[in-house]
Amino acid sequence: NYITTGTRVEGTKCIYDFYSNSSHHSGKFFSPYYPQNYKPNSACRYRFFARPGERVRILFTNIQLHHIDA
């Protein structure tokens, strides 16, 4: 269910590119190990490339910026 649909850059562990083209202009990305917590020292990069005249829109449906123990 939680599969990043971008293309992983060859030779990297967690850099993904998302390209817009005539048949594909949307995708999904998740932090590593989602829905579990982001592991310490994890680093991912997601790069978005639009065609001329397009804009990139990112919609977050679930975001947690800091874990707080209740």
N, C-alpha and C. Protein backbone atom coordinates (compact mmCIF):
# COMPACT_ATOMS: atom_id res chain seq x y z
N ASN A 1 0.81 -1.22 0.00
CA ASN A 1 0.00 0.00 0.00
C ASN A 1 0.84 1.27 0.00
N TYR A 2 2.04 1.20 0.54
CA TYR A 2 2.86 2.40 0.71
C TYR A 2 4.09 2.33 -0.17
N ILE A 3 3.87 2.33 -1.46
CA ILE A 3 4.96 2.21 -2.42
C ILE A 3 5.15 3.56 -3.11
N THR A 4 6.39 4.04 -3.08
CA THR A 4 6.72 5.28 -3.78
C THR A 4 6.70 5.00 -5.28
N THR A 5 5.97 5.83 -6.02
CA THR A 5 5.79 5.57 -7.45
C THR A 5 6.80 6.28 -8.34
N GLY A 6 7.70 7.06 -7.74
CA GLY A 6 8.75 7.69 -8.53
C GLY A 6 9.80 6.66 -8.92
N THR A 7 10.77 7.09 -9.68
CA THR A 7 11.86 6.23 -10.12
C THR A 7 13.05 6.44 -9.20
N ARG A 8 13.52 5.36 -8.57
CA ARG A 8 14.68 5.48 -7.70
C ARG A 8 15.91 5.71 -8.57
N VAL A 9 16.70 6.70 -8.18
CA VAL A 9 17.91 7.03 -8.93
C VAL A 9 18.92 5.90 -8.72
N GLU A 10 19.43 5.37 -9.82
CA GLU A 10 20.36 4.25 -9.76
C GLU A 10 21.58 4.60 -8.90
N GLY A 11 21.98 3.65 -8.06
CA GLY A 11 23.14 3.84 -7.19
C GLY A 11 22.84 4.57 -5.90
N THR A 12 21.55 4.87 -5.64
CA THR A 12 21.17 5.54 -4.40
C THR A 12 20.20 4.67 -3.62
N LYS A 13 20.10 4.94 -2.33
CA LYS A 13 19.15 4.19 -1.51
C LYS A 13 17.80 4.88 -1.43
N CYS A 14 17.80 6.20 -1.46
CA CYS A 14 16.53 6.89 -1.25
C CYS A 14 16.49 8.25 -1.92
N ILE A 15 16.76 8.28 -3.21
CA ILE A 15 16.54 9.47 -4.02
C ILE A 15 15.60 9.05 -5.15
N TYR A 16 14.48 9.75 -5.25
CA TYR A 16 13.46 9.40 -6.25
C TYR A 16 13.17 10.60 -7.14
N ASP A 17 13.01 10.35 -8.42
CA ASP A 17 12.63 11.37 -9.39
C ASP A 17 11.20 11.11 -9.85
N PHE A 18 10.45 12.18 -10.00
CA PHE A 18 9.09 12.12 -10.52
C PHE A 18 9.03 13.02 -11.74
N TYR A 19 8.66 12.45 -12.87
CA TYR A 19 8.59 13.19 -14.13
C TYR A 19 7.15 13.21 -14.63
N SER A 20 6.75 14.36 -15.10
CA SER A 20 5.44 14.49 -15.73
C SER A 20 5.61 14.22 -17.22
N ASN A 21 4.67 13.47 -17.80
CA ASN A 21 4.65 13.28 -19.25
C ASN A 21 3.20 13.24 -19.70
N SER A 22 2.97 13.01 -20.98
CA SER A 22 1.61 13.10 -21.51
C SER A 22 0.66 12.05 -20.94
N SER A 23 1.18 10.93 -20.47
CA SER A 23 0.29 9.89 -19.93
C SER A 23 0.37 9.74 -18.42
N HIS A 24 1.31 10.40 -17.78
CA HIS A 24 1.49 10.23 -16.33
C HIS A 24 1.89 11.56 -15.71
N HIS A 25 1.05 12.07 -14.82
CA HIS A 25 1.37 13.34 -14.19
C HIS A 25 0.98 13.37 -12.71
N SER A 26 1.00 12.21 -12.07
CA SER A 26 0.77 12.17 -10.63
C SER A 26 1.53 10.98 -10.06
N GLY A 27 1.69 10.98 -8.74
CA GLY A 27 2.39 9.89 -8.09
C GLY A 27 2.26 10.00 -6.59
N LYS A 28 2.87 9.07 -5.90
CA LYS A 28 2.84 9.04 -4.43
C LYS A 28 4.24 8.81 -3.91
N PHE A 29 4.54 9.42 -2.77
CA PHE A 29 5.81 9.14 -2.12
C PHE A 29 5.61 9.04 -0.61
N PHE A 30 6.44 8.22 0.00
CA PHE A 30 6.36 7.94 1.43
C PHE A 30 7.75 7.98 2.02
N SER A 31 7.84 8.33 3.29
CA SER A 31 9.14 8.27 3.95
C SER A 31 9.53 6.80 4.14
N PRO A 32 10.82 6.53 4.30
CA PRO A 32 11.25 5.13 4.46
C PRO A 32 10.56 4.50 5.66
N TYR A 33 10.18 3.28 5.53
CA TYR A 33 9.57 2.47 6.59
C TYR A 33 8.15 2.91 6.95
N TYR A 34 7.58 3.89 6.23
CA TYR A 34 6.21 4.31 6.53
C TYR A 34 5.28 3.10 6.47
N PRO A 35 4.36 2.92 7.40
CA PRO A 35 3.86 3.88 8.37
C PRO A 35 4.61 3.90 9.71
N GLN A 36 5.69 3.19 9.85
CA GLN A 36 6.48 3.30 11.07
C GLN A 36 7.22 4.64 11.07
N ASN A 37 7.83 4.96 12.21
CA ASN A 37 8.55 6.23 12.35
C ASN A 37 9.76 6.26 11.43
N TYR A 38 10.12 7.46 11.04
CA TYR A 38 11.31 7.72 10.24
C TYR A 38 12.52 7.38 11.11
N LYS A 39 13.42 6.56 10.61
CA LYS A 39 14.57 6.12 11.40
C LYS A 39 15.60 7.24 11.54
N PRO A 40 16.31 7.28 12.69
CA PRO A 40 17.34 8.31 12.88
C PRO A 40 18.37 8.26 11.75
N ASN A 41 18.83 9.42 11.35
CA ASN A 41 19.85 9.57 10.31
C ASN A 41 19.39 9.11 8.92
N SER A 42 18.10 8.87 8.74
CA SER A 42 17.59 8.55 7.41
C SER A 42 17.56 9.84 6.60
N ALA A 43 17.84 9.72 5.34
CA ALA A 43 17.80 10.89 4.48
C ALA A 43 17.28 10.47 3.11
N CYS A 44 16.19 11.07 2.70
CA CYS A 44 15.62 10.80 1.38
C CYS A 44 15.48 12.12 0.64
N ARG A 45 15.47 12.00 -0.66
CA ARG A 45 15.29 13.17 -1.50
C ARG A 45 14.28 12.80 -2.58
N TYR A 46 13.30 13.67 -2.78
CA TYR A 46 12.28 13.46 -3.80
C TYR A 46 12.34 14.66 -4.72
N ARG A 47 12.58 14.41 -6.00
CA ARG A 47 12.73 15.49 -6.98
C ARG A 47 11.58 15.41 -7.97
N PHE A 48 10.97 16.57 -8.24
CA PHE A 48 9.79 16.63 -9.09
C PHE A 48 10.10 17.49 -10.31
N PHE A 49 9.81 16.94 -11.50
CA PHE A 49 10.10 17.61 -12.76
C PHE A 49 8.81 17.76 -13.56
N ALA A 50 8.42 19.00 -13.80
CA ALA A 50 7.21 19.28 -14.57
C ALA A 50 7.60 19.65 -16.00
N ARG A 51 6.64 19.48 -16.90
CA ARG A 51 6.85 19.91 -18.28
C ARG A 51 6.69 21.43 -18.35
N PRO A 52 7.20 22.06 -19.40
CA PRO A 52 7.04 23.51 -19.55
C PRO A 52 5.56 23.91 -19.44
N GLY A 53 5.29 24.91 -18.64
CA GLY A 53 3.92 25.40 -18.45
C GLY A 53 3.18 24.70 -17.33
N GLU A 54 3.72 23.63 -16.78
CA GLU A 54 3.09 22.94 -15.66
C GLU A 54 3.67 23.43 -14.35
N ARG A 55 2.93 23.18 -13.28
CA ARG A 55 3.41 23.46 -11.93
C ARG A 55 3.35 22.17 -11.14
N VAL A 56 4.22 22.06 -10.18
CA VAL A 56 4.21 20.89 -9.29
C VAL A 56 3.37 21.24 -8.07
N ARG A 57 2.42 20.37 -7.76
CA ARG A 57 1.59 20.55 -6.57
C ARG A 57 1.78 19.33 -5.70
N ILE A 58 2.10 19.55 -4.43
CA ILE A 58 2.28 18.46 -3.48
C ILE A 58 1.18 18.56 -2.44
N LEU A 59 0.44 17.48 -2.28
CA LEU A 59 -0.66 17.41 -1.33
C LEU A 59 -0.30 16.39 -0.26
N PHE A 60 -0.16 16.82 0.97
CA PHE A 60 0.14 15.91 2.06
C PHE A 60 -1.16 15.45 2.70
N THR A 61 -1.35 14.16 2.81
CA THR A 61 -2.56 13.64 3.44
C THR A 61 -2.30 13.20 4.88
N ASN A 62 -1.05 13.00 5.23
CA ASN A 62 -0.70 12.61 6.60
C ASN A 62 0.73 13.06 6.85
N ILE A 63 0.90 13.94 7.81
CA ILE A 63 2.24 14.44 8.12
C ILE A 63 2.39 14.58 9.63
N GLN A 64 3.50 14.13 10.15
CA GLN A 64 3.82 14.29 11.56
C GLN A 64 5.23 14.85 11.62
N LEU A 65 5.36 16.05 12.13
CA LEU A 65 6.65 16.72 12.11
C LEU A 65 7.53 16.39 13.31
N HIS A 66 6.95 16.02 14.42
CA HIS A 66 7.74 15.73 15.60
C HIS A 66 6.97 14.73 16.44
N HIS A 67 7.66 13.70 16.88
CA HIS A 67 7.01 12.71 17.74
C HIS A 67 7.00 13.20 19.17
N ILE A 68 5.83 13.18 19.80
CA ILE A 68 5.70 13.60 21.18
C ILE A 68 5.04 12.46 21.94
N ASP A 69 5.70 11.98 22.99
CA ASP A 69 5.10 10.95 23.84
C ASP A 69 4.03 11.58 24.71
N ALA A 70 2.85 10.99 24.68
CA ALA A 70 1.73 11.55 25.47
C ALA A 70 1.79 11.03 26.90
